[in-house]
Amino acid sequence: MFLEDLFVRQHFRGRGIGKGLLAAVARIAVDEHCYGIHWEVLDWNAKAIEMYKAMGAEFRDQWRLVLLSGEALRRLAGQAL
């Protein structure tokens, strides 16, 4: 399962809300027989990284983020059969 966005407003952080939300997503993933949950985190987000590590998440540094947008996206779309 790919998790696109999970955000807790600054005022509510540190109360276990993020962990609770991820636990709910994990429950859905288990119920749907998913292999796991995949998401991304920016390298400067130390508190989130710390939380993910504490939950047992693995960091896959060998993967590279890819984005195709703008003119390059339109150019490729124009090549569709």
N, C-alpha and C. Protein backbone atom coordinates (compact mmCIF):
# COMPACT_ATOMS: atom_id res chain seq x y z
N MET A 1 0.85 -1.16 0.00
CA MET A 1 0.00 0.00 0.00
C MET A 1 0.90 1.23 0.00
N PHE A 2 0.58 2.21 -0.85
CA PHE A 2 1.35 3.46 -0.88
C PHE A 2 0.57 4.54 -0.14
N LEU A 3 1.21 5.15 0.83
CA LEU A 3 0.62 6.23 1.61
C LEU A 3 1.09 7.55 1.00
N GLU A 4 0.17 8.29 0.42
CA GLU A 4 0.52 9.54 -0.27
C GLU A 4 0.83 10.67 0.71
N ASP A 5 -0.07 10.96 1.61
CA ASP A 5 0.12 12.07 2.54
C ASP A 5 -0.42 11.72 3.93
N LEU A 6 0.34 12.10 4.93
CA LEU A 6 -0.11 12.01 6.31
C LEU A 6 0.46 13.24 7.00
N PHE A 7 -0.41 14.08 7.53
CA PHE A 7 0.05 15.34 8.10
C PHE A 7 -0.69 15.61 9.41
N VAL A 8 0.07 15.97 10.43
CA VAL A 8 -0.50 16.38 11.71
C VAL A 8 -0.06 17.83 11.93
N ARG A 9 -1.00 18.71 12.15
CA ARG A 9 -0.67 20.12 12.37
C ARG A 9 0.25 20.28 13.58
N GLN A 10 1.15 21.24 13.47
CA GLN A 10 2.18 21.47 14.49
C GLN A 10 1.60 21.49 15.91
N HIS A 11 0.48 22.15 16.08
CA HIS A 11 -0.14 22.30 17.41
C HIS A 11 -0.52 20.95 18.03
N PHE A 12 -0.78 19.94 17.19
CA PHE A 12 -1.25 18.65 17.69
C PHE A 12 -0.15 17.58 17.74
N ARG A 13 1.05 17.93 17.32
CA ARG A 13 2.15 16.95 17.30
C ARG A 13 2.59 16.60 18.71
N GLY A 14 3.16 15.40 18.85
CA GLY A 14 3.64 14.95 20.14
C GLY A 14 2.56 14.34 21.02
N ARG A 15 1.39 14.12 20.46
CA ARG A 15 0.27 13.55 21.22
C ARG A 15 -0.09 12.14 20.76
N GLY A 16 0.71 11.57 19.89
CA GLY A 16 0.44 10.21 19.42
C GLY A 16 -0.54 10.14 18.26
N ILE A 17 -0.91 11.29 17.72
CA ILE A 17 -1.89 11.30 16.63
C ILE A 17 -1.31 10.68 15.36
N GLY A 18 -0.08 11.04 15.02
CA GLY A 18 0.56 10.47 13.83
C GLY A 18 0.69 8.97 13.93
N LYS A 19 1.12 8.50 15.08
CA LYS A 19 1.24 7.05 15.29
C LYS A 19 -0.13 6.39 15.20
N GLY A 20 -1.15 7.03 15.76
CA GLY A 20 -2.50 6.48 15.68
C GLY A 20 -3.01 6.39 14.26
N LEU A 21 -2.73 7.44 13.47
CA LEU A 21 -3.14 7.42 12.07
C LEU A 21 -2.41 6.30 11.30
N LEU A 22 -1.11 6.17 11.53
CA LEU A 22 -0.36 5.10 10.87
C LEU A 22 -0.84 3.72 11.33
N ALA A 23 -1.22 3.60 12.58
CA ALA A 23 -1.76 2.32 13.07
C ALA A 23 -3.05 1.98 12.35
N ALA A 24 -3.89 2.99 12.10
CA ALA A 24 -5.14 2.75 11.37
C ALA A 24 -4.85 2.32 9.93
N VAL A 25 -3.87 2.96 9.30
CA VAL A 25 -3.48 2.57 7.94
C VAL A 25 -2.92 1.15 7.95
N ALA A 26 -2.12 0.83 8.97
CA ALA A 26 -1.57 -0.53 9.09
C ALA A 26 -2.67 -1.56 9.23
N ARG A 27 -3.70 -1.24 9.99
CA ARG A 27 -4.84 -2.16 10.15
C ARG A 27 -5.49 -2.43 8.79
N ILE A 28 -5.69 -1.37 8.00
CA ILE A 28 -6.28 -1.53 6.67
C ILE A 28 -5.38 -2.38 5.80
N ALA A 29 -4.07 -2.12 5.84
CA ALA A 29 -3.12 -2.89 5.04
C ALA A 29 -3.15 -4.37 5.40
N VAL A 30 -3.20 -4.67 6.68
CA VAL A 30 -3.27 -6.07 7.13
C VAL A 30 -4.59 -6.70 6.69
N ASP A 31 -5.70 -5.98 6.89
CA ASP A 31 -7.02 -6.50 6.50
C ASP A 31 -7.11 -6.75 4.99
N GLU A 32 -6.40 -5.93 4.20
CA GLU A 32 -6.43 -6.06 2.74
C GLU A 32 -5.32 -6.98 2.22
N HIS A 33 -4.60 -7.62 3.14
CA HIS A 33 -3.52 -8.56 2.80
C HIS A 33 -2.40 -7.90 1.98
N CYS A 34 -2.09 -6.65 2.31
CA CYS A 34 -0.99 -5.95 1.65
C CYS A 34 0.35 -6.46 2.19
N TYR A 35 1.37 -6.37 1.38
CA TYR A 35 2.71 -6.77 1.79
C TYR A 35 3.24 -5.81 2.86
N GLY A 36 2.95 -4.54 2.70
CA GLY A 36 3.45 -3.53 3.62
C GLY A 36 2.91 -2.16 3.24
N ILE A 37 3.44 -1.14 3.89
CA ILE A 37 3.07 0.24 3.60
C ILE A 37 4.34 0.95 3.15
N HIS A 38 4.22 1.71 2.08
CA HIS A 38 5.35 2.47 1.55
C HIS A 38 5.01 3.95 1.57
N TRP A 39 5.94 4.78 2.05
CA TRP A 39 5.76 6.23 2.01
C TRP A 39 7.12 6.88 1.97
N GLU A 40 7.12 8.18 1.80
CA GLU A 40 8.36 8.95 1.70
C GLU A 40 8.41 9.99 2.81
N VAL A 41 9.62 10.35 3.19
CA VAL A 41 9.82 11.40 4.19
C VAL A 41 11.03 12.23 3.75
N LEU A 42 10.93 13.53 3.91
CA LEU A 42 12.07 14.39 3.57
C LEU A 42 13.19 14.20 4.58
N ASP A 43 14.43 14.24 4.10
CA ASP A 43 15.58 13.93 4.96
C ASP A 43 15.76 14.91 6.11
N TRP A 44 15.19 16.10 6.04
CA TRP A 44 15.32 17.08 7.13
C TRP A 44 14.28 16.89 8.22
N ASN A 45 13.31 16.00 8.03
CA ASN A 45 12.22 15.82 8.99
C ASN A 45 12.64 14.81 10.07
N ALA A 46 13.56 15.25 10.92
CA ALA A 46 14.19 14.36 11.91
C ALA A 46 13.19 13.73 12.87
N LYS A 47 12.20 14.49 13.33
CA LYS A 47 11.24 13.95 14.30
C LYS A 47 10.40 12.83 13.67
N ALA A 48 9.98 13.03 12.43
CA ALA A 48 9.21 11.98 11.75
C ALA A 48 10.08 10.75 11.53
N ILE A 49 11.32 10.95 11.10
CA ILE A 49 12.24 9.83 10.87
C ILE A 49 12.45 9.05 12.16
N GLU A 50 12.62 9.76 13.25
CA GLU A 50 12.79 9.12 14.56
C GLU A 50 11.56 8.27 14.91
N MET A 51 10.37 8.83 14.67
CA MET A 51 9.14 8.10 14.97
C MET A 51 9.03 6.85 14.09
N TYR A 52 9.33 6.99 12.80
CA TYR A 52 9.23 5.84 11.89
C TYR A 52 10.22 4.74 12.29
N LYS A 53 11.43 5.13 12.66
CA LYS A 53 12.42 4.14 13.10
C LYS A 53 11.95 3.43 14.37
N ALA A 54 11.37 4.19 15.31
CA ALA A 54 10.89 3.61 16.56
C ALA A 54 9.77 2.59 16.31
N MET A 55 9.02 2.79 15.21
CA MET A 55 7.96 1.84 14.86
C MET A 55 8.50 0.62 14.13
N GLY A 56 9.77 0.64 13.76
CA GLY A 56 10.37 -0.49 13.05
C GLY A 56 10.39 -0.34 11.54
N ALA A 57 10.13 0.87 11.03
CA ALA A 57 10.15 1.09 9.58
C ALA A 57 11.57 0.95 9.04
N GLU A 58 11.68 0.42 7.84
CA GLU A 58 12.97 0.28 7.16
C GLU A 58 13.14 1.45 6.19
N PHE A 59 14.34 1.98 6.12
CA PHE A 59 14.63 3.05 5.18
C PHE A 59 15.36 2.47 3.98
N ARG A 60 14.82 2.70 2.81
CA ARG A 60 15.35 2.15 1.57
C ARG A 60 16.10 3.24 0.81
N ASP A 61 17.30 3.55 1.25
CA ASP A 61 18.07 4.65 0.68
C ASP A 61 18.47 4.42 -0.77
N GLN A 62 18.45 3.18 -1.23
CA GLN A 62 18.85 2.92 -2.60
C GLN A 62 17.79 3.33 -3.61
N TRP A 63 16.58 3.63 -3.17
CA TRP A 63 15.51 4.05 -4.07
C TRP A 63 15.64 5.54 -4.36
N ARG A 64 15.33 5.94 -5.58
CA ARG A 64 15.38 7.33 -5.99
C ARG A 64 13.98 7.82 -6.30
N LEU A 65 13.64 9.00 -5.85
CA LEU A 65 12.35 9.60 -6.16
C LEU A 65 12.35 10.06 -7.61
N VAL A 66 11.26 9.87 -8.28
CA VAL A 66 11.15 10.26 -9.69
C VAL A 66 9.89 11.09 -9.87
N LEU A 67 10.00 12.20 -10.60
CA LEU A 67 8.85 13.05 -10.92
C LEU A 67 8.96 13.47 -12.37
N LEU A 68 7.91 13.24 -13.11
CA LEU A 68 7.82 13.70 -14.50
C LEU A 68 6.67 14.70 -14.53
N SER A 69 6.94 15.95 -14.90
CA SER A 69 5.90 16.97 -14.88
C SER A 69 6.17 18.01 -15.96
N GLY A 70 5.26 18.98 -16.02
CA GLY A 70 5.45 20.11 -16.94
C GLY A 70 5.56 19.69 -18.39
N GLU A 71 6.46 20.35 -19.10
CA GLU A 71 6.62 20.10 -20.53
C GLU A 71 7.05 18.67 -20.82
N ALA A 72 7.92 18.12 -19.98
CA ALA A 72 8.36 16.73 -20.19
C ALA A 72 7.19 15.77 -20.10
N LEU A 73 6.26 16.01 -19.16
CA LEU A 73 5.06 15.18 -19.02
C LEU A 73 4.20 15.30 -20.27
N ARG A 74 3.99 16.52 -20.74
CA ARG A 74 3.16 16.73 -21.93
C ARG A 74 3.80 16.11 -23.16
N ARG A 75 5.11 16.22 -23.28
CA ARG A 75 5.83 15.64 -24.42
C ARG A 75 5.67 14.12 -24.44
N LEU A 76 5.82 13.48 -23.28
CA LEU A 76 5.66 12.03 -23.22
C LEU A 76 4.21 11.64 -23.50
N ALA A 77 3.26 12.39 -22.95
CA ALA A 77 1.84 12.10 -23.19
C ALA A 77 1.53 12.17 -24.67
N GLY A 78 2.17 13.06 -25.40
CA GLY A 78 1.95 13.18 -26.83
C GLY A 78 2.45 12.00 -27.62
N GLN A 79 3.25 11.15 -27.00
CA GLN A 79 3.79 9.96 -27.68
C GLN A 79 2.94 8.71 -27.45
N ALA A 80 1.86 8.86 -26.67
CA ALA A 80 1.01 7.70 -26.36
C ALA A 80 0.34 7.19 -27.63
N LEU A 81 0.23 5.90 -27.73
CA LEU A 81 -0.41 5.29 -28.91
C LEU A 81 -1.91 5.41 -28.88
